[in-house]
PDB file of N, CA and C in Angstrom:
ATOM      1  N   UNK A   1      -9.972 -20.171 -18.204  1.00  0.00           N
ATOM      2  CA  UNK A   1      -9.703 -18.853 -17.669  1.00  0.00           C
ATOM      3  C   UNK A   1      -8.306 -18.828 -17.065  1.00  0.00           C
ATOM      4  N   UNK A   2      -7.569 -17.791 -17.344  1.00  0.00           N
ATOM      5  CA  UNK A   2      -6.205 -17.660 -16.848  1.00  0.00           C
ATOM      6  C   UNK A   2      -6.205 -17.263 -15.375  1.00  0.00           C
ATOM      7  N   UNK A   3      -5.402 -17.958 -14.578  1.00  0.00           N
ATOM      8  CA  UNK A   3      -5.313 -17.649 -13.158  1.00  0.00           C
ATOM      9  C   UNK A   3      -4.433 -16.417 -12.966  1.00  0.00           C
ATOM     10  N   UNK A   4      -4.920 -15.470 -12.200  1.00  0.00           N
ATOM     11  CA  UNK A   4      -4.189 -14.234 -11.954  1.00  0.00           C
ATOM     12  C   UNK A   4      -3.640 -14.267 -10.541  1.00  0.00           C
ATOM     13  N   UNK A   5      -2.331 -14.069 -10.410  1.00  0.00           N
ATOM     14  CA  UNK A   5      -1.703 -14.025  -9.099  1.00  0.00           C
ATOM     15  C   UNK A   5      -1.640 -12.569  -8.658  1.00  0.00           C
ATOM     16  N   UNK A   6      -2.439 -12.207  -7.663  1.00  0.00           N
ATOM     17  CA  UNK A   6      -2.466 -10.828  -7.194  1.00  0.00           C
ATOM     18  C   UNK A   6      -1.202 -10.440  -6.447  1.00  0.00           C
ATOM     19  N   UNK A   7      -0.497 -11.418  -5.900  1.00  0.00           N
ATOM     20  CA  UNK A   7       0.701 -11.146  -5.113  1.00  0.00           C
ATOM     21  C   UNK A   7       1.883 -11.964  -5.649  1.00  0.00           C
ATOM     22  N   UNK A   8       2.493 -11.494  -6.745  1.00  0.00           N
ATOM     23  CA  UNK A   8       3.595 -12.246  -7.344  1.00  0.00           C
ATOM     24  C   UNK A   8       4.900 -12.153  -6.542  1.00  0.00           C
ATOM     25  N   UNK A   9       4.968 -11.226  -5.599  1.00  0.00           N
ATOM     26  CA  UNK A   9       6.179 -11.031  -4.810  1.00  0.00           C
ATOM     27  C   UNK A   9       5.930 -11.461  -3.374  1.00  0.00           C
ATOM     28  N   UNK A  10       6.776 -12.318  -2.866  1.00  0.00           N
ATOM     29  CA  UNK A  10       6.631 -12.897  -1.525  1.00  0.00           C
ATOM     30  C   UNK A  10       6.595 -11.828  -0.425  1.00  0.00           C
ATOM     31  N   UNK A  11       7.457 -10.825  -0.527  1.00  0.00           N
ATOM     32  CA  UNK A  11       7.603  -9.855   0.560  1.00  0.00           C
ATOM     33  C   UNK A  11       6.666  -8.654   0.457  1.00  0.00           C
ATOM     34  N   UNK A  12       5.921  -8.538  -0.631  1.00  0.00           N
ATOM     35  CA  UNK A  12       5.011  -7.415  -0.802  1.00  0.00           C
ATOM     36  C   UNK A  12       3.579  -7.896  -0.593  1.00  0.00           C
ATOM     37  N   UNK A  13       3.068  -7.693   0.617  1.00  0.00           N
ATOM     38  CA  UNK A  13       1.770  -8.232   0.998  1.00  0.00           C
ATOM     39  C   UNK A  13       0.598  -7.293   0.834  1.00  0.00           C
ATOM     40  N   UNK A  14       0.846  -6.091   0.319  1.00  0.00           N
ATOM     41  CA  UNK A  14      -0.234  -5.131   0.116  1.00  0.00           C
ATOM     42  C   UNK A  14      -0.249  -4.737  -1.355  1.00  0.00           C
ATOM     43  N   UNK A  15      -1.427  -4.772  -1.956  1.00  0.00           N
ATOM     44  CA  UNK A  15      -1.575  -4.462  -3.378  1.00  0.00           C
ATOM     45  C   UNK A  15      -2.570  -3.322  -3.545  1.00  0.00           C
ATOM     46  N   UNK A  16      -2.184  -2.300  -4.324  1.00  0.00           N
ATOM     47  CA  UNK A  16      -3.047  -1.166  -4.620  1.00  0.00           C
ATOM     48  C   UNK A  16      -3.232  -1.102  -6.128  1.00  0.00           C
ATOM     49  N   UNK A  17      -4.487  -1.021  -6.556  1.00  0.00           N
ATOM     50  CA  UNK A  17      -4.789  -0.915  -7.982  1.00  0.00           C
ATOM     51  C   UNK A  17      -5.583   0.360  -8.230  1.00  0.00           C
ATOM     52  N   UNK A  18      -5.100   1.187  -9.165  1.00  0.00           N
ATOM     53  CA  UNK A  18      -5.812   2.396  -9.563  1.00  0.00           C
ATOM     54  C   UNK A  18      -6.999   1.976 -10.429  1.00  0.00           C
ATOM     55  N   UNK A  19      -8.192   2.428 -10.080  1.00  0.00           N
ATOM     56  CA  UNK A  19      -9.394   2.025 -10.823  1.00  0.00           C
ATOM     57  C   UNK A  19      -9.485   2.684 -12.190  1.00  0.00           C
ATOM     58  N   UNK A  20      -8.935   3.884 -12.331  1.00  0.00           N
ATOM     59  CA  UNK A  20      -9.084   4.593 -13.599  1.00  0.00           C
ATOM     60  C   UNK A  20      -8.190   4.048 -14.712  1.00  0.00           C
ATOM     61  N   UNK A  21      -6.922   3.771 -14.420  1.00  0.00           N
ATOM     62  CA  UNK A  21      -6.014   3.316 -15.482  1.00  0.00           C
ATOM     63  C   UNK A  21      -5.472   1.898 -15.282  1.00  0.00           C
ATOM     64  N   UNK A  22      -5.819   1.246 -14.178  1.00  0.00           N
ATOM     65  CA  UNK A  22      -5.391  -0.129 -13.953  1.00  0.00           C
ATOM     66  C   UNK A  22      -3.969  -0.279 -13.451  1.00  0.00           C
ATOM     67  N   UNK A  23      -3.298   0.822 -13.132  1.00  0.00           N
ATOM     68  CA  UNK A  23      -1.929   0.773 -12.607  1.00  0.00           C
ATOM     69  C   UNK A  23      -1.932   0.012 -11.283  1.00  0.00           C
ATOM     70  N   UNK A  24      -0.938  -0.868 -11.101  1.00  0.00           N
ATOM     71  CA  UNK A  24      -0.863  -1.689  -9.891  1.00  0.00           C
ATOM     72  C   UNK A  24       0.450  -1.412  -9.172  1.00  0.00           C
ATOM     73  N   UNK A  25       0.371  -1.266  -7.845  1.00  0.00           N
ATOM     74  CA  UNK A  25       1.544  -1.054  -7.003  1.00  0.00           C
ATOM     75  C   UNK A  25       1.494  -2.053  -5.847  1.00  0.00           C
ATOM     76  N   UNK A  26       2.656  -2.534  -5.428  1.00  0.00           N
ATOM     77  CA  UNK A  26       2.749  -3.435  -4.285  1.00  0.00           C
ATOM     78  C   UNK A  26       3.576  -2.769  -3.209  1.00  0.00           C
ATOM     79  N   UNK A  27       3.237  -3.050  -1.943  1.00  0.00           N
ATOM     80  CA  UNK A  27       3.925  -2.446  -0.810  1.00  0.00           C
ATOM     81  C   UNK A  27       4.267  -3.524   0.218  1.00  0.00           C
ATOM     82  N   UNK A  28       5.389  -3.317   0.891  1.00  0.00           N
ATOM     83  CA  UNK A  28       5.818  -4.291   1.891  1.00  0.00           C
ATOM     84  C   UNK A  28       5.248  -4.002   3.271  1.00  0.00           C
ATOM     85  N   UNK A  29       4.828  -2.760   3.516  1.00  0.00           N
ATOM     86  CA  UNK A  29       4.268  -2.427   4.827  1.00  0.00           C
ATOM     87  C   UNK A  29       3.244  -1.301   4.718  1.00  0.00           C
ATOM     88  N   UNK A  30       2.451  -1.155   5.753  1.00  0.00           N
ATOM     89  CA  UNK A  30       1.383  -0.161   5.786  1.00  0.00           C
ATOM     90  C   UNK A  30       1.933   1.259   5.703  1.00  0.00           C
ATOM     91  N   UNK A  31       3.106   1.518   6.309  1.00  0.00           N
ATOM     92  CA  UNK A  31       3.681   2.858   6.277  1.00  0.00           C
ATOM     93  C   UNK A  31       3.980   3.302   4.851  1.00  0.00           C
ATOM     94  N   UNK A  32       4.486   2.408   4.021  1.00  0.00           N
ATOM     95  CA  UNK A  32       4.772   2.743   2.621  1.00  0.00           C
ATOM     96  C   UNK A  32       3.481   3.038   1.855  1.00  0.00           C
ATOM     97  N   UNK A  33       2.461   2.242   2.105  1.00  0.00           N
ATOM     98  CA  UNK A  33       1.169   2.456   1.464  1.00  0.00           C
ATOM     99  C   UNK A  33       0.594   3.813   1.857  1.00  0.00           C
ATOM    100  N   UNK A  34       0.604   4.133   3.144  1.00  0.00           N
ATOM    101  CA  UNK A  34       0.066   5.409   3.622  1.00  0.00           C
ATOM    102  C   UNK A  34       0.802   6.590   3.001  1.00  0.00           C
ATOM    103  N   UNK A  35       2.121   6.474   2.912  1.00  0.00           N
ATOM    104  CA  UNK A  35       2.929   7.540   2.328  1.00  0.00           C
ATOM    105  C   UNK A  35       2.577   7.744   0.849  1.00  0.00           C
ATOM    106  N   UNK A  36       2.381   6.657   0.118  1.00  0.00           N
ATOM    107  CA  UNK A  36       2.016   6.718  -1.301  1.00  0.00           C
ATOM    108  C   UNK A  36       0.646   7.375  -1.489  1.00  0.00           C
ATOM    109  N   UNK A  37      -0.311   6.966  -0.673  1.00  0.00           N
ATOM    110  CA  UNK A  37      -1.670   7.509  -0.759  1.00  0.00           C
ATOM    111  C   UNK A  37      -1.665   9.002  -0.452  1.00  0.00           C
ATOM    112  N   UNK A  38      -0.918   9.410   0.571  1.00  0.00           N
ATOM    113  CA  UNK A  38      -0.837  10.825   0.925  1.00  0.00           C
ATOM    114  C   UNK A  38      -0.133  11.632  -0.171  1.00  0.00           C
ATOM    115  N   UNK A  39       0.940  11.098  -0.708  1.00  0.00           N
ATOM    116  CA  UNK A  39       1.714  11.801  -1.730  1.00  0.00           C
ATOM    117  C   UNK A  39       0.895  12.060  -2.987  1.00  0.00           C
ATOM    118  N   UNK A  40       0.091  11.081  -3.387  1.00  0.00           N
ATOM    119  CA  UNK A  40      -0.688  11.193  -4.613  1.00  0.00           C
ATOM    120  C   UNK A  40      -2.126  11.668  -4.371  1.00  0.00           C
ATOM    121  N   UNK A  41      -2.433  11.960  -3.098  1.00  0.00           N
ATOM    122  CA  UNK A  41      -3.765  12.468  -2.720  1.00  0.00           C
ATOM    123  C   UNK A  41      -4.889  11.586  -3.278  1.00  0.00           C
ATOM    124  N   UNK A  42      -4.773  10.290  -3.038  1.00  0.00           N
ATOM    125  CA  UNK A  42      -5.746   9.329  -3.548  1.00  0.00           C
ATOM    126  C   UNK A  42      -6.937   9.220  -2.608  1.00  0.00           C
ATOM    127  N   UNK A  43      -8.092   9.032  -3.180  1.00  0.00           N
ATOM    128  CA  UNK A  43      -9.339   8.845  -2.437  1.00  0.00           C
ATOM    129  C   UNK A  43      -9.706   7.360  -2.462  1.00  0.00           C
ATOM    130  N   UNK A  44     -10.434   6.873  -1.451  1.00  0.00           N
ATOM    131  CA  UNK A  44     -10.809   5.452  -1.411  1.00  0.00           C
ATOM    132  C   UNK A  44     -11.563   4.975  -2.648  1.00  0.00           C
ATOM    133  N   UNK A  45     -12.358   5.839  -3.255  1.00  0.00           N
ATOM    134  CA  UNK A  45     -13.125   5.429  -4.435  1.00  0.00           C
ATOM    135  C   UNK A  45     -12.257   5.327  -5.693  1.00  0.00           C
ATOM    136  N   UNK A  46     -11.017   5.841  -5.639  1.00  0.00           N
ATOM    137  CA  UNK A  46     -10.122   5.825  -6.790  1.00  0.00           C
ATOM    138  C   UNK A  46      -9.234   4.596  -6.847  1.00  0.00           C
ATOM    139  N   UNK A  47      -9.149   3.856  -5.740  1.00  0.00           N
ATOM    140  CA  UNK A  47      -8.234   2.712  -5.677  1.00  0.00           C
ATOM    141  C   UNK A  47      -8.920   1.485  -5.096  1.00  0.00           C
ATOM    142  N   UNK A  48      -8.328   0.336  -5.355  1.00  0.00           N
ATOM    143  CA  UNK A  48      -8.775  -0.929  -4.763  1.00  0.00           C
ATOM    144  C   UNK A  48      -7.584  -1.505  -4.015  1.00  0.00           C
ATOM    145  N   UNK A  49      -7.776  -1.843  -2.754  1.00  0.00           N
ATOM    146  CA  UNK A  49      -6.707  -2.402  -1.939  1.00  0.00           C
ATOM    147  C   UNK A  49      -6.953  -3.878  -1.669  1.00  0.00           C
ATOM    148  N   UNK A  50      -5.883  -4.668  -1.763  1.00  0.00           N
ATOM    149  CA  UNK A  50      -5.930  -6.085  -1.414  1.00  0.00           C
ATOM    150  C   UNK A  50      -4.782  -6.371  -0.459  1.00  0.00           C
ATOM    151  N   UNK A  51      -5.070  -7.179   0.554  1.00  0.00           N
ATOM    152  CA  UNK A  51      -4.067  -7.566   1.532  1.00  0.00           C
ATOM    153  C   UNK A  51      -3.850  -9.068   1.430  1.00  0.00           C
ATOM    154  N   UNK A  52      -2.597  -9.483   1.426  1.00  0.00           N
ATOM    155  CA  UNK A  52      -2.259 -10.900   1.262  1.00  0.00           C
ATOM    156  C   UNK A  52      -2.836 -11.747   2.391  1.00  0.00           C
ATOM    157  N   UNK A  53      -2.758 -11.242   3.604  1.00  0.00           N
ATOM    158  CA  UNK A  53      -3.256 -12.008   4.748  1.00  0.00           C
ATOM    159  C   UNK A  53      -4.676 -11.606   5.141  1.00  0.00           C
ATOM    160  N   UNK A  54      -5.363 -10.834   4.275  1.00  0.00           N
ATOM    161  CA  UNK A  54      -6.753 -10.413   4.492  1.00  0.00           C
ATOM    162  C   UNK A  54      -6.977  -9.600   5.757  1.00  0.00           C
ATOM    163  N   UNK A  55      -5.920  -8.992   6.291  1.00  0.00           N
ATOM    164  CA  UNK A  55      -6.072  -8.156   7.474  1.00  0.00           C
ATOM    165  C   UNK A  55      -5.735  -6.725   7.102  1.00  0.00           C
ATOM    166  N   UNK A  56      -6.757  -5.907   7.047  1.00  0.00           N
ATOM    167  CA  UNK A  56      -6.539  -4.501   6.721  1.00  0.00           C
ATOM    168  C   UNK A  56      -6.107  -3.771   7.985  1.00  0.00           C
ATOM    169  N   UNK A  57      -5.094  -2.952   7.856  1.00  0.00           N
ATOM    170  CA  UNK A  57      -4.580  -2.181   8.976  1.00  0.00           C
ATOM    171  C   UNK A  57      -5.155  -0.773   8.890  1.00  0.00           C
ATOM    172  N   UNK A  58      -5.577  -0.253  10.025  1.00  0.00           N
ATOM    173  CA  UNK A  58      -6.136   1.093  10.026  1.00  0.00           C
ATOM    174  C   UNK A  58      -5.042   2.110   9.749  1.00  0.00           C
ATOM    175  N   UNK A  59      -5.393   3.146   8.986  1.00  0.00           N
ATOM    176  CA  UNK A  59      -4.462   4.221   8.698  1.00  0.00           C
ATOM    177  C   UNK A  59      -4.379   5.120   9.926  1.00  0.00           C
ATOM    178  N   UNK A  60      -3.164   5.444  10.324  1.00  0.00           N
ATOM    179  CA  UNK A  60      -2.941   6.268  11.494  1.00  0.00           C
ATOM    180  C   UNK A  60      -2.307   7.575  11.048  1.00  0.00           C
ATOM    181  N   UNK A  61      -2.833   8.693  11.546  1.00  0.00           N
ATOM    182  CA  UNK A  61      -2.235   9.978  11.204  1.00  0.00           C
ATOM    183  C   UNK A  61      -0.919  10.124  11.961  1.00  0.00           C
ATOM    184  N   UNK A  62       0.089  10.635  11.252  1.00  0.00           N
ATOM    185  CA  UNK A  62       1.395  10.844  11.869  1.00  0.00           C
ATOM    186  C   UNK A  62       1.843  12.269  11.580  1.00  0.00           C
ATOM    187  N   UNK A  63       2.755  12.750  12.412  1.00  0.00           N
ATOM    188  CA  UNK A  63       3.246  14.107  12.178  1.00  0.00           C
ATOM    189  C   UNK A  63       4.355  14.098  11.126  1.00  0.00           C
ATOM    190  N   UNK A  64       4.769  15.276  10.666  1.00  0.00           N
ATOM    191  CA  UNK A  64       5.718  15.376   9.561  1.00  0.00           C
ATOM    192  C   UNK A  64       7.096  14.820   9.918  1.00  0.00           C
ATOM    193  N   UNK A  65       7.517  14.875  11.180  1.00  0.00           N
ATOM    194  CA  UNK A  65       8.830  14.343  11.535  1.00  0.00           C
ATOM    195  C   UNK A  65       8.869  12.836  11.347  1.00  0.00           C
ATOM    196  N   UNK A  66       7.755  12.179  11.592  1.00  0.00           N
ATOM    197  CA  UNK A  66       7.689  10.731  11.388  1.00  0.00           C
ATOM    198  C   UNK A  66       7.723  10.417   9.899  1.00  0.00           C
ATOM    199  N   UNK A  67       7.033  11.220   9.080  1.00  0.00           N
ATOM    200  CA  UNK A  67       7.032  10.989   7.639  1.00  0.00           C
ATOM    201  C   UNK A  67       8.411  11.183   7.028  1.00  0.00           C
ATOM    202  N   UNK A  68       9.205  12.067   7.596  1.00  0.00           N
ATOM    203  CA  UNK A  68      10.531  12.323   7.055  1.00  0.00           C
ATOM    204  C   UNK A  68      11.564  11.302   7.519  1.00  0.00           C
ATOM    205  N   UNK A  69      11.242  10.509   8.516  1.00  0.00           N
ATOM    206  CA  UNK A  69      12.155   9.476   8.979  1.00  0.00           C
ATOM    207  C   UNK A  69      11.899   8.166   8.249  1.00  0.00           C
ATOM    208  N   UNK A  70      12.806   7.220   8.422  1.00  0.00           N
ATOM    209  CA  UNK A  70      12.651   5.915   7.762  1.00  0.00           C
ATOM    210  C   UNK A  70      11.471   5.159   8.382  1.00  0.00           C
ATOM    211  N   UNK A  71      10.731   4.415   7.565  1.00  0.00           N
ATOM    212  CA  UNK A  71       9.660   3.558   8.097  1.00  0.00           C
ATOM    213  C   UNK A  71      10.231   2.500   9.040  1.00  0.00           C
ATOM    214  N   UNK A  72       9.419   2.050   9.981  1.00  0.00           N
ATOM    215  CA  UNK A  72       9.851   1.060  10.967  1.00  0.00           C
ATOM    216  C   UNK A  72      10.379  -0.210  10.318  1.00  0.00           C
ATOM    217  N   UNK A  73       9.797  -0.593   9.192  1.00  0.00           N
ATOM    218  CA  UNK A  73      10.195  -1.840   8.573  1.00  0.00           C
ATOM    219  C   UNK A  73      11.590  -1.767   7.946  1.00  0.00           C
ATOM    220  N   UNK A  74      12.133  -0.564   7.735  1.00  0.00           N
ATOM    221  CA  UNK A  74      13.461  -0.414   7.163  1.00  0.00           C
ATOM    222  C   UNK A  74      14.544  -0.176   8.202  1.00  0.00           C
ATOM    223  N   UNK A  75      14.144   0.120   9.433  1.00  0.00           N
ATOM    224  CA  UNK A  75      15.123   0.374  10.494  1.00  0.00           C
ATOM    225  C   UNK A  75      15.739  -0.932  10.952  1.00  0.00           C
ATOM    226  N   UNK A  76      17.000  -0.881  11.261  1.00  0.00           N
ATOM    227  CA  UNK A  76      17.699  -2.097  11.741  1.00  0.00           C
ATOM    228  C   UNK A  76      18.044  -1.958  13.200  1.00  0.00           C
TER     229      UNK A  76
END
């Protein structure tokens, strides 16, 4: 059996897989994942999430000014 590496990228610790078409996306932080889910209006039953460190972070609602600003992980 071929070994599958779910996290081929060192810095992308969150993996999202679409259940319907098998499309896979990787994210470096929770804010990017939340933005993607909101943008595409995805439901929990439509996707499978995997975390590299096995720690799922709770989704936090934010206002629109926060969404329009840079994510914390990109700020210097």
